[in-house]
C-alpha atoms as a PDB file:
ATOM      1  CA  MET A   1     -15.726   3.734  95.519  1.00  0.00           C
ATOM      2  CA  ARG A   2     -13.133   2.252  97.881  1.00  0.00           C
ATOM      3  CA  ILE A   3     -12.542  -1.168  99.351  1.00  0.00           C
ATOM      4  CA  SER A   4     -11.994  -0.983 103.087  1.00  0.00           C
ATOM      5  CA  ASN A   5      -9.151  -3.431 103.710  1.00  0.00           C
ATOM      6  CA  ILE A   6      -8.292  -6.465 101.598  1.00  0.00           C
ATOM      7  CA  LEU A   7      -7.621  -9.777 103.289  1.00  0.00           C
ATOM      8  CA  VAL A   8      -5.464 -12.429 101.634  1.00  0.00           C
ATOM      9  CA  SER A   9      -5.160 -16.039 102.734  1.00  0.00           C
ATOM     10  CA  VAL A  10      -1.517 -17.055 103.181  1.00  0.00           C
ATOM     11  CA  ASP A  11      -0.241 -20.622 103.094  1.00  0.00           C
ATOM     12  CA  ARG A  12       2.907 -22.397 101.921  1.00  0.00           C
ATOM     13  CA  GLY A  13       1.452 -23.747  98.689  1.00  0.00           C
ATOM     14  CA  ALA A  14       2.751 -23.106  95.184  1.00  0.00           C
ATOM     15  CA  THR A  15       0.145 -20.416  94.425  1.00  0.00           C
ATOM     16  CA  ALA A  16       0.736 -18.295  97.527  1.00  0.00           C
ATOM     17  CA  VAL A  17       3.319 -15.955  96.003  1.00  0.00           C
ATOM     18  CA  ASP A  18       1.190 -14.919  93.027  1.00  0.00           C
ATOM     19  CA  ARG A  19      -1.914 -14.607  95.223  1.00  0.00           C
ATOM     20  CA  VAL A  20      -0.196 -12.180  97.616  1.00  0.00           C
ATOM     21  CA  ARG A  21       1.280 -10.158  94.732  1.00  0.00           C
ATOM     22  CA  LEU A  22      -2.128  -9.845  93.081  1.00  0.00           C
ATOM     23  CA  ALA A  23      -3.811  -8.827  96.339  1.00  0.00           C
ATOM     24  CA  ALA A  24      -1.070  -6.281  97.045  1.00  0.00           C
ATOM     25  CA  ASP A  25      -1.498  -4.710  93.614  1.00  0.00           C
ATOM     26  CA  ILE A  26      -5.252  -4.324  94.193  1.00  0.00           C
ATOM     27  CA  ALA A  27      -4.617  -2.823  97.642  1.00  0.00           C
ATOM     28  CA  TRP A  28      -2.178  -0.327  96.126  1.00  0.00           C
ATOM     29  CA  ARG A  29      -4.627   0.757  93.420  1.00  0.00           C
ATOM     30  CA  PHE A  30      -7.446   1.193  95.934  1.00  0.00           C
ATOM     31  CA  ASP A  31      -5.150   2.830  98.526  1.00  0.00           C
ATOM     32  CA  THR A  32      -6.211   0.421 101.238  1.00  0.00           C
ATOM     33  CA  THR A  33      -4.603  -1.904 103.777  1.00  0.00           C
ATOM     34  CA  LEU A  34      -3.652  -5.463 102.880  1.00  0.00           C
ATOM     35  CA  ILE A  35      -4.128  -7.944 105.721  1.00  0.00           C
ATOM     36  CA  GLY A  36      -2.316 -11.247 105.553  1.00  0.00           C
ATOM     37  CA  VAL A  37      -3.998 -14.084 107.439  1.00  0.00           C
ATOM     38  CA  ALA A  38      -2.666 -17.530 108.240  1.00  0.00           C
ATOM     39  CA  ALA A  39      -3.559 -20.269 110.698  1.00  0.00           C
ATOM     40  CA  ARG A  40      -2.206 -23.705 111.485  1.00  0.00           C
ATOM     41  CA  GLN A  41      -4.148 -26.224 113.523  1.00  0.00           C
ATOM     42  CA  LEU A  42      -2.288 -28.380 116.005  1.00  0.00           C
ATOM     43  CA  VAL A  43      -2.758 -32.116 116.150  1.00  0.00           C
ATOM     44  CA  THR A  44      -4.277 -32.688 119.591  1.00  0.00           C
ATOM     45  CA  MET A  45      -5.089 -36.411 119.529  1.00  0.00           C
ATOM     46  CA  ILE A  46      -1.722 -38.201 119.723  1.00  0.00           C
ATOM     47  CA  PRO A  47      -1.882 -41.893 120.705  1.00  0.00           C
ATOM     48  CA  VAL A  48       1.273 -42.625 122.734  1.00  0.00           C
ATOM     49  CA  GLU A  49       2.205 -44.765 125.690  1.00  0.00           C
ATOM     50  CA  SER A  50       2.749 -42.073 128.317  1.00  0.00           C
ATOM     51  CA  ALA A  51       1.761 -38.518 129.190  1.00  0.00           C
ATOM     52  CA  ASP A  52       5.403 -37.396 128.982  1.00  0.00           C
ATOM     53  CA  ALA A  53       5.759 -38.733 125.450  1.00  0.00           C
ATOM     54  CA  SER A  54       2.507 -37.087 124.467  1.00  0.00           C
ATOM     55  CA  GLN A  55       3.738 -33.755 125.819  1.00  0.00           C
ATOM     56  CA  ARG A  56       7.030 -34.021 123.924  1.00  0.00           C
ATOM     57  CA  ILE A  57       5.223 -34.789 120.664  1.00  0.00           C
ATOM     58  CA  PHE A  58       2.827 -31.901 121.247  1.00  0.00           C
ATOM     59  CA  GLU A  59       5.731 -29.499 121.818  1.00  0.00           C
ATOM     60  CA  ILE A  60       7.403 -30.651 118.602  1.00  0.00           C
ATOM     61  CA  GLU A  61       4.146 -30.178 116.703  1.00  0.00           C
ATOM     62  CA  GLU A  62       3.654 -26.710 118.208  1.00  0.00           C
ATOM     63  CA  THR A  63       7.193 -25.668 117.283  1.00  0.00           C
ATOM     64  CA  ARG A  64       6.694 -26.891 113.712  1.00  0.00           C
ATOM     65  CA  ALA A  65       3.395 -25.034 113.404  1.00  0.00           C
ATOM     66  CA  LYS A  66       4.898 -21.769 114.661  1.00  0.00           C
ATOM     67  CA  GLU A  67       7.784 -22.133 112.213  1.00  0.00           C
ATOM     68  CA  GLU A  68       5.354 -22.600 109.329  1.00  0.00           C
ATOM     69  CA  LEU A  69       3.395 -19.524 110.402  1.00  0.00           C
ATOM     70  CA  ALA A  70       6.647 -17.561 110.555  1.00  0.00           C
ATOM     71  CA  GLU A  71       7.495 -18.708 107.020  1.00  0.00           C
ATOM     72  CA  GLY A  72       4.045 -17.618 105.878  1.00  0.00           C
ATOM     73  CA  ARG A  73       4.505 -14.189 107.409  1.00  0.00           C
ATOM     74  CA  ALA A  74       7.920 -13.789 105.783  1.00  0.00           C
ATOM     75  CA  LEU A  75       6.425 -14.709 102.409  1.00  0.00           C
ATOM     76  CA  PHE A  76       3.594 -12.213 102.879  1.00  0.00           C
ATOM     77  CA  GLU A  77       5.853  -9.340 103.892  1.00  0.00           C
ATOM     78  CA  ARG A  78       8.299 -10.047 101.063  1.00  0.00           C
ATOM     79  CA  GLU A  79       5.703 -10.346  98.287  1.00  0.00           C
ATOM     80  CA  ALA A  80       3.412  -7.552  99.498  1.00  0.00           C
ATOM     81  CA  GLY A  81       6.331  -5.142  99.230  1.00  0.00           C
ATOM     82  CA  GLU A  82       6.664  -1.697 100.728  1.00  0.00           C
ATOM     83  CA  ARG A  83       4.270   0.372  98.636  1.00  0.00           C
ATOM     84  CA  VAL A  84       1.109  -0.812 100.452  1.00  0.00           C
ATOM     85  CA  ARG A  85       0.049  -0.660 104.088  1.00  0.00           C
ATOM     86  CA  THR A  86       0.031  -4.126 105.582  1.00  0.00           C
ATOM     87  CA  ALA A  87      -1.084  -5.955 108.688  1.00  0.00           C
ATOM     88  CA  TRP A  88      -0.619  -9.555 109.779  1.00  0.00           C
ATOM     89  CA  ARG A  89      -2.880 -11.915 111.718  1.00  0.00           C
ATOM     90  CA  GLU A  90      -2.077 -15.497 112.652  1.00  0.00           C
ATOM     91  CA  ALA A  91      -3.254 -18.177 115.034  1.00  0.00           C
ATOM     92  CA  LEU A  92      -2.790 -21.771 116.072  1.00  0.00           C
ATOM     93  CA  ALA A  93      -6.290 -22.615 114.908  1.00  0.00           C
ATOM     94  CA  GLU A  94      -8.306 -24.265 112.162  1.00  0.00           C
ATOM     95  CA  PRO A  95      -7.472 -22.196 109.026  1.00  0.00           C
ATOM     96  CA  LEU A  96     -10.968 -21.831 107.561  1.00  0.00           C
ATOM     97  CA  ALA A  97     -12.598 -20.904 110.861  1.00  0.00           C
ATOM     98  CA  PHE A  98      -9.883 -18.330 111.589  1.00  0.00           C
ATOM     99  CA  LEU A  99     -10.091 -16.788 108.115  1.00  0.00           C
ATOM    100  CA  VAL A 100     -13.884 -16.550 108.336  1.00  0.00           C
ATOM    101  CA  GLU A 101     -13.517 -14.812 111.697  1.00  0.00           C
ATOM    102  CA  GLN A 102     -10.954 -12.330 110.382  1.00  0.00           C
ATOM    103  CA  ALA A 103     -13.055 -11.557 107.287  1.00  0.00           C
ATOM    104  CA  ARG A 104     -15.092  -9.194 109.466  1.00  0.00           C
ATOM    105  CA  ALA A 105     -12.208  -6.700 109.104  1.00  0.00           C
ATOM    106  CA  ALA A 106     -12.158  -6.603 105.306  1.00  0.00           C
ATOM    107  CA  GLY A 107     -14.262  -5.671 102.302  1.00  0.00           C
ATOM    108  CA  LEU A 108     -12.713  -8.325 100.050  1.00  0.00           C
ATOM    109  CA  VAL A 109     -11.072 -11.707 100.674  1.00  0.00           C
ATOM    110  CA  VAL A 110      -8.540 -13.167  98.217  1.00  0.00           C
ATOM    111  CA  VAL A 111      -7.919 -16.917  97.902  1.00  0.00           C
ATOM    112  CA  SER A 112      -6.645 -19.264  95.212  1.00  0.00           C
ATOM    113  CA  ARG A 113      -8.577 -21.614  92.981  1.00  0.00           C
ATOM    114  CA  GLN A 114      -8.346 -25.168  94.232  1.00  0.00           C
ATOM    115  CA  GLY A 115      -8.920 -27.504  91.328  1.00  0.00           C
ATOM    116  CA  PRO A 116      -7.956 -31.186  91.277  1.00  0.00           C
ATOM    117  CA  ALA A 117      -4.648 -30.410  89.551  1.00  0.00           C
ATOM    118  CA  ASP A 118      -3.757 -27.239  91.476  1.00  0.00           C
ATOM    119  CA  GLY A 119      -1.635 -28.885  94.147  1.00  0.00           C
ATOM    120  CA  ASP A 120      -1.936 -29.214  97.905  1.00  0.00           C
ATOM    121  CA  PRO A 121      -1.666 -25.885  99.780  1.00  0.00           C
ATOM    122  CA  GLY A 122      -0.684 -27.750 102.930  1.00  0.00           C
ATOM    123  CA  PRO A 123      -2.096 -27.530 106.463  1.00  0.00           C
ATOM    124  CA  MET A 124      -2.506 -23.742 106.247  1.00  0.00           C
ATOM    125  CA  GLY A 125      -4.669 -23.933 103.128  1.00  0.00           C
ATOM    126  CA  VAL A 126      -8.289 -22.796 103.058  1.00  0.00           C
ATOM    127  CA  ALA A 127     -11.066 -24.269 100.935  1.00  0.00           C
ATOM    128  CA  ALA A 128     -12.454 -21.448  98.784  1.00  0.00           C
ATOM    129  CA  GLY A 129     -15.947 -22.939  98.698  1.00  0.00           C
ATOM    130  CA  GLY A 130     -16.371 -23.120 102.443  1.00  0.00           C
ATOM    131  CA  LEU A 131     -15.004 -19.591 102.774  1.00  0.00           C
ATOM    132  CA  LEU A 132     -17.524 -18.303 100.240  1.00  0.00           C
ATOM    133  CA  MET A 133     -20.438 -19.820 102.102  1.00  0.00           C
ATOM    134  CA  GLU A 134     -19.396 -18.694 105.581  1.00  0.00           C
ATOM    135  CA  ALA A 135     -17.439 -15.425 105.365  1.00  0.00           C
ATOM    136  CA  GLY A 136     -20.252 -13.011 104.491  1.00  0.00           C
ATOM    137  CA  ARG A 137     -17.820 -11.099 102.284  1.00  0.00           C
ATOM    138  CA  PRO A 138     -17.081 -11.088  98.544  1.00  0.00           C
ATOM    139  CA  VAL A 139     -14.333 -13.566  97.713  1.00  0.00           C
ATOM    140  CA  LEU A 140     -11.902 -13.188  94.814  1.00  0.00           C
ATOM    141  CA  ILE A 141     -10.903 -16.580  93.397  1.00  0.00           C
ATOM    142  CA  VAL A 142      -7.467 -16.398  91.744  1.00  0.00           C
ATOM    143  CA  PRO A 143      -6.351 -19.059  89.225  1.00  0.00           C
ATOM    144  CA  PRO A 144      -2.743 -20.304  89.421  1.00  0.00           C
ATOM    145  CA  GLY A 145      -0.138 -18.223  87.629  1.00  0.00           C
ATOM    146  CA  LEU A 146      -1.902 -14.852  87.842  1.00  0.00           C
ATOM    147  CA  HIS A 147      -0.190 -12.089  89.815  1.00  0.00           C
ATOM    148  CA  ARG A 148      -2.106  -9.023  88.553  1.00  0.00           C
ATOM    149  CA  LEU A 149      -5.719  -8.100  87.918  1.00  0.00           C
ATOM    150  CA  SER A 150      -6.377  -5.050  85.734  1.00  0.00           C
ATOM    151  CA  ALA A 151     -10.206  -5.435  85.804  1.00  0.00           C
ATOM    152  CA  LYS A 152     -10.566  -3.081  82.858  1.00  0.00           C
ATOM    153  CA  ARG A 153     -12.957  -5.433  81.092  1.00  0.00           C
ATOM    154  CA  ILE A 154     -15.396  -7.292  83.345  1.00  0.00           C
ATOM    155  CA  VAL A 155     -18.079  -9.888  82.720  1.00  0.00           C
ATOM    156  CA  VAL A 156     -21.065 -10.036  85.077  1.00  0.00           C
ATOM    157  CA  ALA A 157     -22.467 -13.580  84.914  1.00  0.00           C
ATOM    158  CA  TRP A 158     -26.052 -12.642  85.681  1.00  0.00           C
ATOM    159  CA  LYS A 159     -28.817 -14.771  87.125  1.00  0.00           C
ATOM    160  CA  ASP A 160     -31.858 -13.145  88.678  1.00  0.00           C
ATOM    161  CA  ALA A 161     -31.206 -14.365  92.212  1.00  0.00           C
ATOM    162  CA  ARG A 162     -30.189 -12.865  95.542  1.00  0.00           C
ATOM    163  CA  GLU A 163     -26.608 -14.098  95.277  1.00  0.00           C
ATOM    164  CA  ALA A 164     -26.032 -12.436  91.890  1.00  0.00           C
ATOM    165  CA  ARG A 165     -27.561  -9.174  93.097  1.00  0.00           C
ATOM    166  CA  ARG A 166     -25.238  -9.260  96.102  1.00  0.00           C
ATOM    167  CA  ALA A 167     -22.247  -9.938  93.860  1.00  0.00           C
ATOM    168  CA  VAL A 168     -23.014  -6.979  91.575  1.00  0.00           C
ATOM    169  CA  HIS A 169     -23.286  -4.672  94.573  1.00  0.00           C
ATOM    170  CA  ASP A 170     -20.070  -6.026  96.127  1.00  0.00           C
ATOM    171  CA  ALA A 171     -18.195  -5.622  92.842  1.00  0.00           C
ATOM    172  CA  LEU A 172     -19.119  -1.955  92.329  1.00  0.00           C
ATOM    173  CA  PRO A 173     -15.635  -0.678  93.339  1.00  0.00           C
ATOM    174  CA  PHE A 174     -14.233  -2.652  90.381  1.00  0.00           C
ATOM    175  CA  LEU A 175     -17.151  -2.045  88.029  1.00  0.00           C
ATOM    176  CA  VAL A 176     -17.042   1.761  88.277  1.00  0.00           C
ATOM    177  CA  ARG A 177     -13.339   1.724  87.314  1.00  0.00           C
ATOM    178  CA  ALA A 178     -13.744  -0.625  84.346  1.00  0.00           C
ATOM    179  CA  ASP A 179     -13.517   0.485  80.716  1.00  0.00           C
ATOM    180  CA  GLN A 180     -16.247  -1.967  79.702  1.00  0.00           C
ATOM    181  CA  VAL A 181     -18.686  -4.196  81.588  1.00  0.00           C
ATOM    182  CA  HIS A 182     -20.604  -7.017  79.915  1.00  0.00           C
ATOM    183  CA  VAL A 183     -23.727  -8.386  81.577  1.00  0.00           C
ATOM    184  CA  ALA A 184     -23.982 -11.925  80.233  1.00  0.00           C
ATOM    185  CA  VAL A 185     -26.876 -14.320  80.800  1.00  0.00           C
ATOM    186  CA  ALA A 186     -26.437 -17.967  79.805  1.00  0.00           C
ATOM    187  CA  GLY A 187     -29.043 -20.609  79.152  1.00  0.00           C
ATOM    188  CA  PRO A 188     -32.350 -21.096  77.337  1.00  0.00           C
ATOM    189  CA  GLU A 189     -34.247 -18.782  79.729  1.00  0.00           C
ATOM    190  CA  ALA A 190     -31.774 -15.907  79.336  1.00  0.00           C
ATOM    191  CA  ARG A 191     -34.415 -13.429  78.099  1.00  0.00           C
ATOM    192  CA  ARG A 192     -36.363 -13.750  81.349  1.00  0.00           C
ATOM    193  CA  GLU A 193     -33.514 -12.920  83.749  1.00  0.00           C
ATOM    194  CA  GLY A 194     -33.808  -9.112  83.620  1.00  0.00           C
ATOM    195  CA  ALA A 195     -30.379  -8.308  82.188  1.00  0.00           C
ATOM    196  CA  THR A 196     -31.543  -4.936  80.849  1.00  0.00           C
ATOM    197  CA  ASP A 197     -32.571  -3.846  84.356  1.00  0.00           C
ATOM    198  CA  VAL A 198     -29.123  -4.744  85.665  1.00  0.00           C
ATOM    199  CA  ALA A 199     -27.518  -2.794  82.823  1.00  0.00           C
ATOM    200  CA  ALA A 200     -29.677   0.228  83.645  1.00  0.00           C
ATOM    201  CA  TYR A 201     -28.675  -0.017  87.309  1.00  0.00           C
ATOM    202  CA  LEU A 202     -24.995  -0.084  86.389  1.00  0.00           C
ATOM    203  CA  SER A 203     -25.415   2.736  83.877  1.00  0.00           C
ATOM    204  CA  GLY A 204     -26.814   4.821  86.714  1.00  0.00           C
ATOM    205  CA  HIS A 205     -23.378   4.523  88.333  1.00  0.00           C
ATOM    206  CA  GLY A 206     -21.742   5.878  85.190  1.00  0.00           C
ATOM    207  CA  ILE A 207     -20.593   2.437  84.043  1.00  0.00           C
ATOM    208  CA  ARG A 208     -20.263   1.618  80.350  1.00  0.00           C
ATOM    209  CA  VAL A 209     -22.246  -1.594  80.007  1.00  0.00           C
ATOM    210  CA  ALA A 210     -23.610  -3.956  77.350  1.00  0.00           C
ATOM    211  CA  THR A 211     -25.910  -6.961  77.682  1.00  0.00           C
ATOM    212  CA  HIS A 212     -25.493 -10.366  76.051  1.00  0.00           C
ATOM    213  CA  LEU A 213     -27.856 -13.337  75.910  1.00  0.00           C
ATOM    214  CA  LEU A 214     -25.905 -16.555  75.438  1.00  0.00           C
ATOM    215  CA  HIS A 215     -27.763 -19.606  74.090  1.00  0.00           C
ATOM    216  CA  LYS A 216     -25.464 -22.642  73.868  1.00  0.00           C
ATOM    217  CA  PRO A 217     -27.116 -25.576  75.609  1.00  0.00           C
ATOM    218  CA  GLU A 218     -24.436 -27.994  74.411  1.00  0.00           C
ATOM    219  CA  ILE A 219     -21.924 -26.701  76.996  1.00  0.00           C
ATOM    220  CA  SER A 220     -22.208 -25.899  80.687  1.00  0.00           C
ATOM    221  CA  VAL A 221     -23.061 -22.431  81.958  1.00  0.00           C
ATOM    222  CA  ALA A 222     -19.592 -22.047  83.504  1.00  0.00           C
ATOM    223  CA  ASP A 223     -17.850 -23.033  80.256  1.00  0.00           C
ATOM    224  CA  GLU A 224     -20.073 -20.679  78.304  1.00  0.00           C
ATOM    225  CA  ILE A 225     -19.293 -17.750  80.593  1.00  0.00           C
ATOM    226  CA  LEU A 226     -15.560 -18.498  80.526  1.00  0.00           C
ATOM    227  CA  ARG A 227     -15.601 -18.765  76.728  1.00  0.00           C
ATOM    228  CA  PHE A 228     -17.405 -15.426  76.510  1.00  0.00           C
ATOM    229  CA  ALA A 229     -14.962 -13.776  78.939  1.00  0.00           C
ATOM    230  CA  ARG A 230     -11.998 -14.931  76.874  1.00  0.00           C
ATOM    231  CA  ARG A 231     -13.626 -13.663  73.686  1.00  0.00           C
ATOM    232  CA  GLU A 232     -14.163 -10.239  75.242  1.00  0.00           C
ATOM    233  CA  GLU A 233     -10.629 -10.238  76.705  1.00  0.00           C
ATOM    234  CA  ALA A 234     -12.042  -9.816  80.230  1.00  0.00           C
ATOM    235  CA  ASP A 235      -9.884 -10.719  83.226  1.00  0.00           C
ATOM    236  CA  LEU A 236     -12.611 -10.585  85.891  1.00  0.00           C
ATOM    237  CA  ILE A 237     -15.928 -12.404  86.199  1.00  0.00           C
ATOM    238  CA  VAL A 238     -18.517 -11.314  88.767  1.00  0.00           C
ATOM    239  CA  MET A 239     -21.134 -13.860  89.811  1.00  0.00           C
ATOM    240  CA  GLY A 240     -23.221 -15.195  92.666  1.00  0.00           C
ATOM    241  CA  ALA A 241     -22.164 -18.321  94.532  1.00  0.00           C
ATOM    242  CA  TYR A 242     -24.886 -20.903  95.069  1.00  0.00           C
ATOM    243  CA  GLY A 243     -24.776 -23.676  97.646  1.00  0.00           C
ATOM    244  CA  HIS A 244     -26.281 -25.139 100.793  1.00  0.00           C
ATOM    245  CA  SER A 245     -25.119 -27.116 103.786  1.00  0.00           C
ATOM    246  CA  ARG A 246     -25.776 -30.839 104.012  1.00  0.00           C
ATOM    247  CA  LEU A 247     -24.368 -33.184 106.655  1.00  0.00           C
ATOM    248  CA  ARG A 248     -21.703 -30.629 107.670  1.00  0.00           C
ATOM    249  CA  GLU A 249     -20.510 -30.228 104.081  1.00  0.00           C
ATOM    250  CA  TRP A 250     -21.281 -27.595 101.460  1.00  0.00           C
ATOM    251  CA  VAL A 251     -23.044 -28.701  98.306  1.00  0.00           C
ATOM    252  CA  PHE A 252     -22.574 -26.251  95.437  1.00  0.00           C
ATOM    253  CA  GLY A 253     -24.556 -25.447  92.324  1.00  0.00           C
ATOM    254  CA  GLY A 254     -23.023 -26.731  89.102  1.00  0.00           C
ATOM    255  CA  ALA A 255     -21.705 -23.400  87.794  1.00  0.00           C
ATOM    256  CA  THR A 256     -20.355 -22.421  91.218  1.00  0.00           C
ATOM    257  CA  ARG A 257     -18.505 -25.713  91.617  1.00  0.00           C
ATOM    258  CA  GLU A 258     -17.023 -25.535  88.112  1.00  0.00           C
ATOM    259  CA  MET A 259     -15.812 -21.976  88.612  1.00  0.00           C
ATOM    260  CA  LEU A 260     -14.208 -22.815  91.960  1.00  0.00           C
ATOM    261  CA  GLU A 261     -12.290 -25.681  90.366  1.00  0.00           C
ATOM    262  CA  THR A 262     -11.617 -24.664  86.764  1.00  0.00           C
ATOM    263  CA  THR A 263     -11.855 -20.899  86.245  1.00  0.00           C
ATOM    264  CA  THR A 264      -8.979 -19.483  84.208  1.00  0.00           C
ATOM    265  CA  VAL A 265     -10.101 -15.911  84.946  1.00  0.00           C
ATOM    266  CA  CYS A 266     -10.232 -14.189  88.322  1.00  0.00           C
ATOM    267  CA  CYS A 267     -13.730 -14.555  89.682  1.00  0.00           C
ATOM    268  CA  LEU A 268     -15.348 -12.311  92.301  1.00  0.00           C
ATOM    269  CA  MET A 269     -18.118 -14.296  93.965  1.00  0.00           C
ATOM    270  CA  SER A 270     -20.662 -13.492  96.687  1.00  0.00           C
ATOM    271  CA  HIS A 271     -23.102 -15.685  98.539  1.00  0.00           C
END
């Protein structure tokens, strides 16, 4: 199974270099095109005394934005290297809206984790949670400091819901190449989530798979899954992303929110 184009969000934050390197390595292994995407929104409401002053400030802001986009493109082209096919897309626009729009061209979108201590990606940064809810594509969340994903050992964090089913389907290009896949169900109702059916489905694709029922109510589901992934030496977690819109903001389920902010393992999520 192939991935038709991989899209990576590019900004000027501290995690951008590793994110592009990781995305480029995946694109090389799947023999597909890596698309770098960046956007920078202009400040349009500038309170000044005259129209001429407003125009001068706008021109300065536009020049600065174009320079930042040019720096982003240079970073992308440098870190992607020459062994993969690449394309570049940029705009003077709101970054999340532009990235969601461009996601139509790709089978996977790569962004960085954005926890409280992960630093500010700057005005070209994209919130991973909003992207997950709006893009209609699987999103790979990359923790800081990771520049390669082997995906030889994968944990599927299973919950019998539409989002998890979508995530398993979207992750098949990785799952069929893995040496070992673990379907893990966390929580007191783990036996009722149908993990054996998921394992049978994956086995039908020739995937080596095992099921695990995790019962540790004293810690959160996200912590339990991360602990299990570390124990199994997995470097990729596959899971559904749960959330809904309220007052123009996205409200996430507990495990989804924790993974977006704290995951130490690459996490492929679908909504």
